[in-house]
Protein backbone atom coordinates (compact mmCIF):
# COMPACT_ATOMS: atom_id res chain seq x y z
CA MET A 1 -27.90 60.57 15.32
CA ASN A 2 -24.82 59.31 13.48
CA ILE A 3 -25.14 57.76 10.02
CA VAL A 4 -22.23 55.95 8.40
CA VAL A 5 -22.00 56.78 4.71
CA ASP A 6 -20.12 55.03 1.96
CA THR A 7 -18.75 56.12 -1.39
CA SER A 8 -21.91 55.28 -3.33
CA VAL A 9 -23.91 57.77 -1.28
CA ILE A 10 -21.36 60.56 -1.52
CA ILE A 11 -20.84 60.05 -5.27
CA SER A 12 -24.62 60.18 -5.77
CA VAL A 13 -24.79 63.51 -3.99
CA VAL A 14 -21.75 65.22 -5.52
CA THR A 15 -22.60 64.12 -9.07
CA ASN A 16 -26.32 64.92 -8.76
CA GLU A 17 -27.50 61.36 -9.41
CA LYS A 18 -31.15 60.36 -9.04
CA HIS A 19 -30.93 59.43 -5.33
CA LYS A 20 -29.41 62.76 -4.26
CA HIS A 21 -32.58 64.40 -2.95
CA ARG A 22 -33.63 61.32 -0.97
CA ILE A 23 -30.13 61.00 0.54
CA VAL A 24 -30.15 64.65 1.59
CA GLU A 25 -33.60 64.16 3.12
CA VAL A 26 -32.57 61.02 5.04
CA THR A 27 -29.38 62.59 6.40
CA LYS A 28 -30.86 65.96 7.35
CA GLY A 29 -29.95 66.68 10.97
CA ALA A 30 -27.68 63.62 11.22
CA ASP A 31 -23.95 63.57 11.83
CA LEU A 32 -22.22 61.79 8.95
CA VAL A 33 -19.44 59.36 9.76
CA ALA A 34 -17.18 57.38 7.42
CA PRO A 35 -14.00 55.36 7.56
CA ALA A 36 -10.92 57.39 6.64
CA SER A 37 -10.61 55.24 3.51
CA LEU A 38 -13.46 57.23 1.96
CA HIS A 39 -10.97 59.76 0.53
CA TRP A 40 -9.16 57.09 -1.49
CA GLU A 41 -12.41 55.46 -2.52
CA MET A 42 -13.62 58.79 -3.91
CA GLY A 43 -10.47 59.02 -6.02
CA ASN A 44 -10.97 55.47 -7.21
CA ALA A 45 -14.61 56.17 -8.12
CA PHE A 46 -13.61 59.23 -10.13
CA SER A 47 -10.89 57.28 -11.96
CA ALA A 48 -13.41 54.56 -12.82
CA MET A 49 -15.70 57.23 -14.28
CA PHE A 50 -12.79 58.57 -16.36
CA LYS A 51 -12.16 55.10 -17.78
CA ARG A 52 -15.83 54.72 -18.73
CA LYS A 53 -15.92 58.24 -20.22
CA LYS A 54 -18.66 59.24 -17.77
CA MET A 55 -16.74 62.16 -16.30
CA THR A 56 -13.99 64.55 -17.27
CA SER A 57 -11.20 65.78 -15.03
CA SER A 58 -12.90 69.18 -14.76
CA GLN A 59 -16.17 67.56 -13.69
CA ALA A 60 -14.32 65.44 -11.12
CA LYS A 61 -12.66 68.53 -9.68
CA ARG A 62 -16.05 70.25 -9.32
CA ALA A 63 -17.45 67.13 -7.64
CA LEU A 64 -14.41 66.98 -5.38
CA ARG A 65 -14.98 70.58 -4.28
CA SER A 66 -18.57 69.65 -3.47
CA TYR A 67 -17.37 66.59 -1.53
CA GLU A 68 -15.04 68.78 0.52
CA THR A 69 -18.01 70.86 1.73
CA ILE A 70 -19.83 67.86 3.23
CA ALA A 71 -19.37 67.63 6.99
CA ILE A 72 -18.12 64.09 7.59
CA ARG A 73 -16.35 62.83 10.71
CA PHE A 74 -13.69 60.36 9.64
CA CYS A 75 -12.92 57.38 11.84
CA ASP A 76 -9.99 55.07 12.03
CA VAL A 77 -11.10 51.48 11.71
CA GLU A 78 -9.58 48.58 13.58
CA LEU A 79 -7.81 46.86 10.70
CA GLU A 80 -7.74 43.36 12.22
CA ALA A 81 -11.49 43.44 12.88
CA ALA A 82 -12.13 44.67 9.32
CA ILE A 83 -9.96 41.92 7.86
CA ASP A 84 -11.88 39.36 9.92
CA LEU A 85 -15.13 40.74 8.50
CA ALA A 86 -13.76 40.67 4.95
CA ALA A 87 -12.74 37.03 5.33
CA ARG A 88 -15.93 35.93 7.08
CA LEU A 89 -18.26 37.72 4.65
CA ASN A 90 -16.12 37.26 1.51
CA ILE A 91 -16.14 40.99 0.77
CA TYR A 92 -13.61 43.63 -0.22
CA ALA A 93 -11.71 45.38 2.54
CA TYR A 94 -13.25 48.76 1.66
CA ASP A 95 -16.72 47.34 2.35
CA ALA A 96 -15.45 45.78 5.57
CA TYR A 97 -14.13 49.19 6.69
CA VAL A 98 -17.60 50.69 6.29
CA ILE A 99 -19.22 47.83 8.19
CA GLN A 100 -16.59 47.93 10.95
CA CYS A 101 -17.08 51.70 11.23
CA SER A 102 -20.82 51.13 11.61
CA LEU A 103 -20.38 48.46 14.26
CA ALA A 104 -17.83 50.49 16.22
CA GLN A 105 -19.97 53.64 16.09
CA ARG A 106 -23.19 51.70 16.76
CA SER A 107 -24.67 53.62 13.85
CA PRO A 108 -26.61 52.58 10.74
CA ILE A 109 -25.07 52.52 7.27
CA LEU A 110 -26.53 54.48 4.39
CA THR A 111 -25.48 52.91 1.10
CA LEU A 112 -26.74 52.39 -2.44
CA ASP A 113 -24.51 49.31 -2.79
CA ARG A 114 -26.70 46.19 -2.52
CA THR A 115 -23.72 43.89 -1.89
CA LEU A 116 -22.54 46.06 0.99
CA CYS A 117 -26.10 46.22 2.32
CA ARG A 118 -26.43 42.41 2.40
CA ALA A 119 -23.00 41.96 4.00
CA ALA A 120 -23.72 44.64 6.62
CA LEU A 121 -26.96 42.94 7.63
CA LYS A 122 -25.15 39.59 7.93
CA ALA A 123 -22.57 41.26 10.18
CA GLY A 124 -25.30 42.61 12.43
CA ALA A 125 -25.10 46.24 11.31
CA LYS A 126 -28.20 48.31 10.73
CA VAL A 127 -28.83 49.67 7.25
CA ILE A 128 -30.90 52.60 6.04
CA GLU A 129 -32.40 51.88 2.65
CA VAL A 130 -32.87 54.61 0.08
CA GLN A 131 -35.79 54.06 -2.24
CA SER A 132 -36.02 55.88 -5.57
């Protein structure tokens, strides 16, 4: 089974946040898929943590090494379809890429982002919820 993952899920795992063990459990045996934009979103997430003094550069580099060990199949997303989703759902393009990836792959999304979850459901995508 394929599961589309977003940045919130990967950040939770590589920084050992509270949802890590549940995410690992839910994804065990699944093939992880993500839009190619995930790489840039990871960099953006780390830079946001720097600004809030929640992570140092050394910590980010350790987390990045952990991220690089996760087997993820990256997909190109049809940009026009993603832009249509962004406009229709009034969401950021990065969220639309995840939703479009899910729709194209006919695979559920695993996310900790409630806004993305709601938008995905409106778009007709399936979502896997992670409970604490």
